[in-house]
Amino acid sequence: MTVEIIIENKEKYMDLLLLADEQESMIKKYLNEGEMFALFDDELASICVVIEESKGIFEIKNIATYEKYQGKGYGRYLINYIFDFYGNRGKIMYVGTGESPLTLPFYEKLGFKYSHRIKNFFIDNYNHPIYECGIQLRDMIYLKREF
C-alpha cells in the first residue's frame, strides 16, 4: 500500500468522493482548500480530504473507499497515515458525519469521541434527502480525536 498526496486535478477523483458526500457542489466547497490523500493498493482504493480549520485544528472533510475495498482496513490505514502526517503540528482532528450505524462506530473504533452536533445540517445544506442504512440523515455529528 502507498499513500500519495494529490495536488492537481483533484476533481478527477469526484466519483470516489461522491461515495462519502453525495452532492458535488458541497465537495467543491472544500476540495481545493484541503489536502487530498489517495491510498493505492495496485490501484486506487481510498481517498481522504483534510483541511486545517485553524492552527493545529484539522478536519476530515471526506473519506471514501471503493465498495470492493470496504471492510479491508483501507480507511483505518488512511486515517492512521493522516494522524502520522499531521502529528507534529496537530492538536485536534475533527470529522463530521451523519448519525449512521455504519460511520459512527467506524470512527469510534479509531479513537474519535463525540464533540457536538449541527442540527438539520443535511436538510439545510443538501438539495435532496440523504439516507444511510434506511435512515434519513438530519444532523451533522462532529467527533474529535486529539493527537
N, C-alpha and C. Protein backbone atom coordinates (compact mmCIF):
# COMPACT_ATOMS: atom_id res chain seq x y z
N MET A 1 0.84 -1.18 0.00
CA MET A 1 0.00 0.00 0.00
C MET A 1 0.88 1.24 0.00
N THR A 2 0.45 2.22 -0.75
CA THR A 2 1.13 3.51 -0.76
C THR A 2 0.09 4.62 -0.67
N VAL A 3 0.49 5.73 -0.08
CA VAL A 3 -0.36 6.91 0.00
C VAL A 3 0.33 8.03 -0.74
N GLU A 4 -0.40 8.69 -1.61
CA GLU A 4 0.12 9.84 -2.36
C GLU A 4 -0.70 11.07 -2.02
N ILE A 5 -0.02 12.21 -1.96
CA ILE A 5 -0.72 13.48 -1.81
C ILE A 5 -1.06 13.97 -3.21
N ILE A 6 -2.31 14.27 -3.42
CA ILE A 6 -2.79 14.73 -4.72
C ILE A 6 -2.87 16.25 -4.68
N ILE A 7 -2.14 16.89 -5.57
CA ILE A 7 -2.07 18.35 -5.58
C ILE A 7 -2.89 18.94 -6.73
N GLU A 8 -2.87 18.29 -7.87
CA GLU A 8 -3.56 18.82 -9.05
C GLU A 8 -4.68 17.87 -9.49
N ASN A 9 -5.61 18.42 -10.25
CA ASN A 9 -6.70 17.64 -10.84
C ASN A 9 -7.48 16.83 -9.81
N LYS A 10 -7.77 17.43 -8.67
CA LYS A 10 -8.49 16.73 -7.62
C LYS A 10 -9.89 16.30 -8.06
N GLU A 11 -10.48 17.06 -8.96
CA GLU A 11 -11.85 16.73 -9.40
C GLU A 11 -11.92 15.41 -10.17
N LYS A 12 -10.79 14.91 -10.64
CA LYS A 12 -10.83 13.63 -11.36
C LYS A 12 -11.16 12.47 -10.43
N TYR A 13 -11.13 12.72 -9.11
CA TYR A 13 -11.49 11.71 -8.10
C TYR A 13 -12.93 11.88 -7.61
N MET A 14 -13.70 12.68 -8.31
CA MET A 14 -15.06 13.01 -7.87
C MET A 14 -15.92 11.77 -7.69
N ASP A 15 -15.77 10.76 -8.54
CA ASP A 15 -16.61 9.56 -8.40
C ASP A 15 -16.43 8.91 -7.03
N LEU A 16 -15.20 8.88 -6.55
CA LEU A 16 -14.93 8.29 -5.25
C LEU A 16 -15.38 9.23 -4.12
N LEU A 17 -15.11 10.51 -4.25
CA LEU A 17 -15.53 11.49 -3.25
C LEU A 17 -17.05 11.47 -3.05
N LEU A 18 -17.78 11.25 -4.13
CA LEU A 18 -19.24 11.24 -4.06
C LEU A 18 -19.78 10.05 -3.26
N LEU A 19 -18.98 9.04 -3.03
CA LEU A 19 -19.43 7.93 -2.18
C LEU A 19 -19.62 8.38 -0.74
N ALA A 20 -18.85 9.38 -0.31
CA ALA A 20 -18.92 9.85 1.07
C ALA A 20 -19.72 11.14 1.22
N ASP A 21 -19.86 11.88 0.15
CA ASP A 21 -20.58 13.15 0.17
C ASP A 21 -21.34 13.23 -1.14
N GLU A 22 -22.65 13.04 -1.09
CA GLU A 22 -23.45 12.81 -2.29
C GLU A 22 -23.67 14.01 -3.20
N GLN A 23 -23.26 15.18 -2.79
CA GLN A 23 -23.56 16.38 -3.58
C GLN A 23 -22.27 17.07 -4.02
N GLU A 24 -22.06 17.11 -5.32
CA GLU A 24 -20.83 17.66 -5.89
C GLU A 24 -20.59 19.10 -5.46
N SER A 25 -21.64 19.92 -5.39
CA SER A 25 -21.46 21.32 -5.00
C SER A 25 -20.91 21.45 -3.58
N MET A 26 -21.26 20.51 -2.70
CA MET A 26 -20.73 20.54 -1.33
C MET A 26 -19.25 20.15 -1.34
N ILE A 27 -18.88 19.17 -2.14
CA ILE A 27 -17.48 18.75 -2.24
C ILE A 27 -16.62 19.89 -2.76
N LYS A 28 -17.13 20.60 -3.75
CA LYS A 28 -16.35 21.69 -4.35
C LYS A 28 -16.08 22.82 -3.36
N LYS A 29 -16.87 22.92 -2.30
CA LYS A 29 -16.65 23.96 -1.29
C LYS A 29 -15.34 23.75 -0.52
N TYR A 30 -14.92 22.50 -0.38
CA TYR A 30 -13.71 22.24 0.41
C TYR A 30 -12.59 21.58 -0.39
N LEU A 31 -12.86 21.13 -1.57
CA LEU A 31 -11.89 20.31 -2.30
C LEU A 31 -10.56 21.01 -2.51
N ASN A 32 -10.56 22.25 -2.96
CA ASN A 32 -9.30 22.91 -3.27
C ASN A 32 -8.62 23.55 -2.07
N GLU A 33 -9.35 23.72 -0.97
CA GLU A 33 -8.68 24.26 0.22
C GLU A 33 -8.07 23.16 1.07
N GLY A 34 -8.41 21.92 0.77
CA GLY A 34 -7.91 20.81 1.56
C GLY A 34 -6.74 20.09 0.91
N GLU A 35 -6.09 19.25 1.72
CA GLU A 35 -5.05 18.36 1.20
C GLU A 35 -5.72 17.02 0.93
N MET A 36 -5.41 16.45 -0.22
CA MET A 36 -6.01 15.19 -0.63
C MET A 36 -4.98 14.08 -0.55
N PHE A 37 -5.38 12.99 0.06
CA PHE A 37 -4.53 11.81 0.21
C PHE A 37 -5.22 10.65 -0.51
N ALA A 38 -4.47 9.94 -1.35
CA ALA A 38 -5.01 8.79 -2.08
C ALA A 38 -4.23 7.55 -1.69
N LEU A 39 -4.94 6.50 -1.33
CA LEU A 39 -4.33 5.24 -0.95
C LEU A 39 -4.45 4.27 -2.11
N PHE A 40 -3.32 3.74 -2.51
CA PHE A 40 -3.27 2.79 -3.63
C PHE A 40 -2.80 1.43 -3.12
N ASP A 41 -3.45 0.39 -3.59
CA ASP A 41 -3.01 -0.98 -3.39
C ASP A 41 -3.10 -1.62 -4.77
N ASP A 42 -2.08 -1.42 -5.56
CA ASP A 42 -2.06 -1.67 -7.00
C ASP A 42 -2.90 -0.65 -7.75
N GLU A 43 -4.13 -0.40 -7.29
CA GLU A 43 -4.98 0.63 -7.88
C GLU A 43 -5.58 1.47 -6.75
N LEU A 44 -6.21 2.57 -7.12
CA LEU A 44 -6.81 3.45 -6.13
C LEU A 44 -7.87 2.70 -5.32
N ALA A 45 -7.75 2.77 -4.00
CA ALA A 45 -8.70 2.09 -3.13
C ALA A 45 -9.49 3.08 -2.27
N SER A 46 -8.82 4.14 -1.80
CA SER A 46 -9.44 5.03 -0.83
C SER A 46 -8.87 6.44 -0.99
N ILE A 47 -9.66 7.42 -0.55
CA ILE A 47 -9.24 8.82 -0.68
C ILE A 47 -9.72 9.60 0.53
N CYS A 48 -9.01 10.66 0.87
CA CYS A 48 -9.37 11.47 2.02
C CYS A 48 -8.98 12.92 1.75
N VAL A 49 -9.84 13.85 2.19
CA VAL A 49 -9.55 15.28 2.09
C VAL A 49 -9.57 15.85 3.51
N VAL A 50 -8.50 16.55 3.87
CA VAL A 50 -8.35 17.14 5.19
C VAL A 50 -8.09 18.63 5.03
N ILE A 51 -8.77 19.43 5.84
CA ILE A 51 -8.49 20.86 5.85
C ILE A 51 -7.99 21.27 7.23
N GLU A 52 -7.19 22.34 7.25
CA GLU A 52 -6.76 22.91 8.53
C GLU A 52 -7.68 24.08 8.83
N GLU A 53 -8.52 23.89 9.85
CA GLU A 53 -9.51 24.91 10.23
C GLU A 53 -8.83 26.12 10.88
N SER A 54 -7.86 25.83 11.73
CA SER A 54 -7.04 26.86 12.38
C SER A 54 -5.76 26.15 12.83
N LYS A 55 -4.84 26.90 13.39
CA LYS A 55 -3.53 26.32 13.71
C LYS A 55 -3.68 25.08 14.60
N GLY A 56 -3.30 23.94 14.05
CA GLY A 56 -3.34 22.68 14.78
C GLY A 56 -4.69 21.99 14.85
N ILE A 57 -5.71 22.63 14.28
CA ILE A 57 -7.07 22.05 14.29
C ILE A 57 -7.42 21.64 12.87
N PHE A 58 -7.58 20.34 12.67
CA PHE A 58 -7.83 19.78 11.34
C PHE A 58 -9.21 19.12 11.31
N GLU A 59 -9.72 18.98 10.09
CA GLU A 59 -10.99 18.29 9.91
C GLU A 59 -10.92 17.39 8.68
N ILE A 60 -11.32 16.14 8.88
CA ILE A 60 -11.51 15.25 7.74
C ILE A 60 -12.82 15.64 7.10
N LYS A 61 -12.76 16.15 5.88
CA LYS A 61 -13.96 16.59 5.18
C LYS A 61 -14.58 15.47 4.34
N ASN A 62 -13.75 14.52 3.94
CA ASN A 62 -14.25 13.43 3.10
C ASN A 62 -13.28 12.27 3.21
N ILE A 63 -13.81 11.10 3.43
CA ILE A 63 -13.01 9.88 3.34
C ILE A 63 -13.92 8.83 2.72
N ALA A 64 -13.41 8.21 1.66
CA ALA A 64 -14.23 7.23 0.93
C ALA A 64 -13.34 6.10 0.43
N THR A 65 -13.92 4.93 0.41
CA THR A 65 -13.25 3.73 -0.08
C THR A 65 -14.18 3.06 -1.09
N TYR A 66 -13.62 2.69 -2.22
CA TYR A 66 -14.43 1.96 -3.20
C TYR A 66 -15.04 0.73 -2.54
N GLU A 67 -16.26 0.42 -2.92
CA GLU A 67 -17.02 -0.66 -2.29
C GLU A 67 -16.26 -1.99 -2.24
N LYS A 68 -15.57 -2.32 -3.32
CA LYS A 68 -14.87 -3.61 -3.34
C LYS A 68 -13.71 -3.68 -2.34
N TYR A 69 -13.28 -2.53 -1.82
CA TYR A 69 -12.21 -2.50 -0.83
C TYR A 69 -12.71 -2.24 0.59
N GLN A 70 -14.00 -1.98 0.75
CA GLN A 70 -14.54 -1.66 2.07
C GLN A 70 -14.45 -2.87 2.99
N GLY A 71 -14.20 -2.60 4.26
CA GLY A 71 -14.11 -3.65 5.26
C GLY A 71 -12.77 -4.36 5.30
N LYS A 72 -11.79 -3.84 4.57
CA LYS A 72 -10.48 -4.48 4.50
C LYS A 72 -9.37 -3.67 5.16
N GLY A 73 -9.75 -2.60 5.88
CA GLY A 73 -8.77 -1.83 6.64
C GLY A 73 -8.17 -0.64 5.92
N TYR A 74 -8.62 -0.35 4.71
CA TYR A 74 -8.02 0.77 3.96
C TYR A 74 -8.36 2.12 4.60
N GLY A 75 -9.59 2.31 5.02
CA GLY A 75 -9.97 3.56 5.67
C GLY A 75 -9.21 3.77 6.96
N ARG A 76 -9.09 2.72 7.75
CA ARG A 76 -8.34 2.77 9.00
C ARG A 76 -6.87 3.12 8.72
N TYR A 77 -6.29 2.46 7.73
CA TYR A 77 -4.90 2.72 7.36
C TYR A 77 -4.71 4.19 6.98
N LEU A 78 -5.64 4.71 6.17
CA LEU A 78 -5.54 6.09 5.70
C LEU A 78 -5.66 7.08 6.86
N ILE A 79 -6.57 6.85 7.76
CA ILE A 79 -6.71 7.75 8.92
C ILE A 79 -5.46 7.70 9.79
N ASN A 80 -4.92 6.52 10.03
CA ASN A 80 -3.68 6.42 10.80
C ASN A 80 -2.53 7.13 10.09
N TYR A 81 -2.48 7.03 8.78
CA TYR A 81 -1.46 7.73 8.00
C TYR A 81 -1.60 9.24 8.20
N ILE A 82 -2.82 9.73 8.15
CA ILE A 82 -3.07 11.17 8.29
C ILE A 82 -2.66 11.66 9.68
N PHE A 83 -2.93 10.85 10.71
CA PHE A 83 -2.51 11.24 12.05
C PHE A 83 -0.99 11.30 12.15
N ASP A 84 -0.29 10.39 11.51
CA ASP A 84 1.17 10.45 11.48
C ASP A 84 1.64 11.68 10.69
N PHE A 85 0.98 11.95 9.57
CA PHE A 85 1.36 13.06 8.70
C PHE A 85 1.25 14.41 9.42
N TYR A 86 0.14 14.62 10.15
CA TYR A 86 -0.09 15.90 10.83
C TYR A 86 0.38 15.89 12.28
N GLY A 87 0.87 14.76 12.74
CA GLY A 87 1.17 14.56 14.15
C GLY A 87 1.97 15.64 14.83
N ASN A 88 3.03 16.14 14.20
CA ASN A 88 3.89 17.11 14.87
C ASN A 88 3.31 18.52 14.88
N ARG A 89 2.24 18.76 14.14
CA ARG A 89 1.64 20.10 14.16
C ARG A 89 0.15 20.06 14.48
N GLY A 90 -0.37 18.88 14.78
CA GLY A 90 -1.79 18.75 15.07
C GLY A 90 -2.10 18.74 16.55
N LYS A 91 -3.26 19.29 16.88
CA LYS A 91 -3.77 19.25 18.25
C LYS A 91 -5.04 18.40 18.29
N ILE A 92 -5.96 18.72 17.38
CA ILE A 92 -7.25 18.02 17.33
C ILE A 92 -7.62 17.75 15.88
N MET A 93 -8.19 16.56 15.65
CA MET A 93 -8.76 16.21 14.35
C MET A 93 -10.26 16.02 14.55
N TYR A 94 -11.04 16.72 13.75
CA TYR A 94 -12.49 16.57 13.76
C TYR A 94 -12.92 15.80 12.53
N VAL A 95 -14.07 15.17 12.64
CA VAL A 95 -14.74 14.59 11.49
C VAL A 95 -16.24 14.78 11.70
N GLY A 96 -16.92 15.19 10.65
CA GLY A 96 -18.36 15.36 10.71
C GLY A 96 -19.02 14.26 9.89
N THR A 97 -20.08 13.69 10.44
CA THR A 97 -20.77 12.59 9.75
C THR A 97 -22.23 12.59 10.14
N GLY A 98 -23.00 11.84 9.42
CA GLY A 98 -24.40 11.67 9.77
C GLY A 98 -24.53 10.69 10.92
N GLU A 99 -25.72 10.67 11.51
CA GLU A 99 -25.99 9.76 12.62
C GLU A 99 -26.32 8.39 12.04
N SER A 100 -25.27 7.68 11.68
CA SER A 100 -25.42 6.42 10.96
C SER A 100 -24.78 5.27 11.72
N PRO A 101 -25.44 4.10 11.72
CA PRO A 101 -24.85 2.95 12.39
C PRO A 101 -23.64 2.38 11.65
N LEU A 102 -23.34 2.89 10.47
CA LEU A 102 -22.14 2.46 9.74
C LEU A 102 -20.93 3.32 10.09
N THR A 103 -21.11 4.63 10.05
CA THR A 103 -19.96 5.51 10.18
C THR A 103 -19.57 5.83 11.62
N LEU A 104 -20.52 6.03 12.51
CA LEU A 104 -20.17 6.38 13.89
C LEU A 104 -19.30 5.31 14.55
N PRO A 105 -19.65 4.03 14.49
CA PRO A 105 -18.78 3.01 15.11
C PRO A 105 -17.40 2.94 14.47
N PHE A 106 -17.30 3.19 13.16
CA PHE A 106 -16.01 3.19 12.48
C PHE A 106 -15.07 4.21 13.13
N TYR A 107 -15.55 5.44 13.28
CA TYR A 107 -14.72 6.49 13.87
C TYR A 107 -14.45 6.25 15.35
N GLU A 108 -15.45 5.74 16.07
CA GLU A 108 -15.26 5.48 17.49
C GLU A 108 -14.18 4.42 17.71
N LYS A 109 -14.12 3.41 16.85
CA LYS A 109 -13.07 2.39 16.96
C LYS A 109 -11.68 2.97 16.73
N LEU A 110 -11.64 4.10 16.03
CA LEU A 110 -10.36 4.76 15.77
C LEU A 110 -10.03 5.83 16.82
N GLY A 111 -10.80 5.87 17.89
CA GLY A 111 -10.50 6.77 18.99
C GLY A 111 -11.19 8.12 18.97
N PHE A 112 -12.10 8.35 18.03
CA PHE A 112 -12.85 9.60 17.99
C PHE A 112 -13.97 9.56 19.03
N LYS A 113 -14.21 10.71 19.63
CA LYS A 113 -15.27 10.85 20.64
C LYS A 113 -16.22 11.96 20.23
N TYR A 114 -17.45 11.87 20.69
CA TYR A 114 -18.47 12.88 20.37
C TYR A 114 -17.99 14.27 20.80
N SER A 115 -18.19 15.25 19.91
CA SER A 115 -17.85 16.63 20.21
C SER A 115 -19.11 17.50 20.27
N HIS A 116 -19.84 17.55 19.16
CA HIS A 116 -21.04 18.39 19.09
C HIS A 116 -21.84 18.01 17.86
N ARG A 117 -23.00 18.63 17.71
CA ARG A 117 -23.82 18.37 16.53
C ARG A 117 -24.34 19.68 15.97
N ILE A 118 -24.57 19.67 14.65
CA ILE A 118 -25.21 20.81 13.99
C ILE A 118 -26.58 20.32 13.53
N LYS A 119 -27.60 20.86 14.16
CA LYS A 119 -28.98 20.45 13.87
C LYS A 119 -29.34 20.72 12.42
N ASN A 120 -30.02 19.77 11.81
CA ASN A 120 -30.58 19.87 10.46
C ASN A 120 -29.57 20.21 9.37
N PHE A 121 -28.30 19.90 9.60
CA PHE A 121 -27.27 20.22 8.61
C PHE A 121 -27.58 19.62 7.24
N PHE A 122 -27.92 18.35 7.21
CA PHE A 122 -28.16 17.68 5.92
C PHE A 122 -29.44 18.19 5.26
N ILE A 123 -30.42 18.55 6.04
CA ILE A 123 -31.67 19.08 5.49
C ILE A 123 -31.45 20.49 4.94
N ASP A 124 -30.69 21.30 5.65
CA ASP A 124 -30.48 22.70 5.27
C ASP A 124 -29.46 22.89 4.15
N ASN A 125 -28.53 21.95 3.96
CA ASN A 125 -27.42 22.16 3.03
C ASN A 125 -27.41 21.27 1.79
N TYR A 126 -28.30 20.30 1.72
CA TYR A 126 -28.32 19.41 0.57
C TYR A 126 -29.64 19.57 -0.16
N ASN A 127 -29.58 19.42 -1.49
CA ASN A 127 -30.77 19.64 -2.30
C ASN A 127 -31.67 18.40 -2.42
N HIS A 128 -31.34 17.37 -1.67
CA HIS A 128 -32.16 16.15 -1.66
C HIS A 128 -31.94 15.44 -0.32
N PRO A 129 -32.90 14.62 0.10
CA PRO A 129 -32.70 13.87 1.34
C PRO A 129 -31.56 12.86 1.19
N ILE A 130 -30.79 12.69 2.24
CA ILE A 130 -29.67 11.75 2.25
C ILE A 130 -30.04 10.61 3.20
N TYR A 131 -29.91 9.39 2.71
CA TYR A 131 -30.23 8.21 3.52
C TYR A 131 -29.00 7.33 3.65
N GLU A 132 -28.83 6.76 4.82
CA GLU A 132 -27.80 5.76 5.04
C GLU A 132 -28.42 4.68 5.92
N CYS A 133 -28.33 3.44 5.47
CA CYS A 133 -28.94 2.30 6.17
C CYS A 133 -30.44 2.51 6.38
N GLY A 134 -31.08 3.16 5.43
CA GLY A 134 -32.51 3.40 5.51
C GLY A 134 -32.92 4.52 6.44
N ILE A 135 -31.95 5.23 7.00
CA ILE A 135 -32.22 6.33 7.93
C ILE A 135 -31.91 7.65 7.24
N GLN A 136 -32.87 8.60 7.30
CA GLN A 136 -32.59 9.91 6.73
C GLN A 136 -31.65 10.68 7.66
N LEU A 137 -30.56 11.16 7.09
CA LEU A 137 -29.60 11.95 7.87
C LEU A 137 -30.14 13.36 8.03
N ARG A 138 -30.10 13.85 9.23
CA ARG A 138 -30.58 15.20 9.53
C ARG A 138 -29.44 16.05 10.12
N ASP A 139 -28.96 15.65 11.28
CA ASP A 139 -27.93 16.42 11.98
C ASP A 139 -26.53 15.95 11.58
N MET A 140 -25.60 16.89 11.58
CA MET A 140 -24.18 16.57 11.41
C MET A 140 -23.63 16.31 12.81
N ILE A 141 -23.07 15.12 12.99
CA ILE A 141 -22.46 14.74 14.26
C ILE A 141 -20.95 14.95 14.12
N TYR A 142 -20.39 15.78 14.97
CA TYR A 142 -18.95 16.00 14.95
C TYR A 142 -18.28 15.17 16.04
N LEU A 143 -17.25 14.47 15.63
CA LEU A 143 -16.42 13.69 16.54
C LEU A 143 -15.02 14.30 16.52
N LYS A 144 -14.27 14.10 17.59
CA LYS A 144 -12.92 14.64 17.61
C LYS A 144 -11.97 13.63 18.25
N ARG A 145 -10.73 13.77 17.86
CA ARG A 145 -9.65 12.94 18.43
C ARG A 145 -8.43 13.83 18.58
N GLU A 146 -7.84 13.77 19.73
CA GLU A 146 -6.62 14.55 19.96
C GLU A 146 -5.42 13.81 19.43
N PHE A 147 -4.43 14.57 19.01
CA PHE A 147 -3.18 13.98 18.52
C PHE A 147 -2.34 13.52 19.68
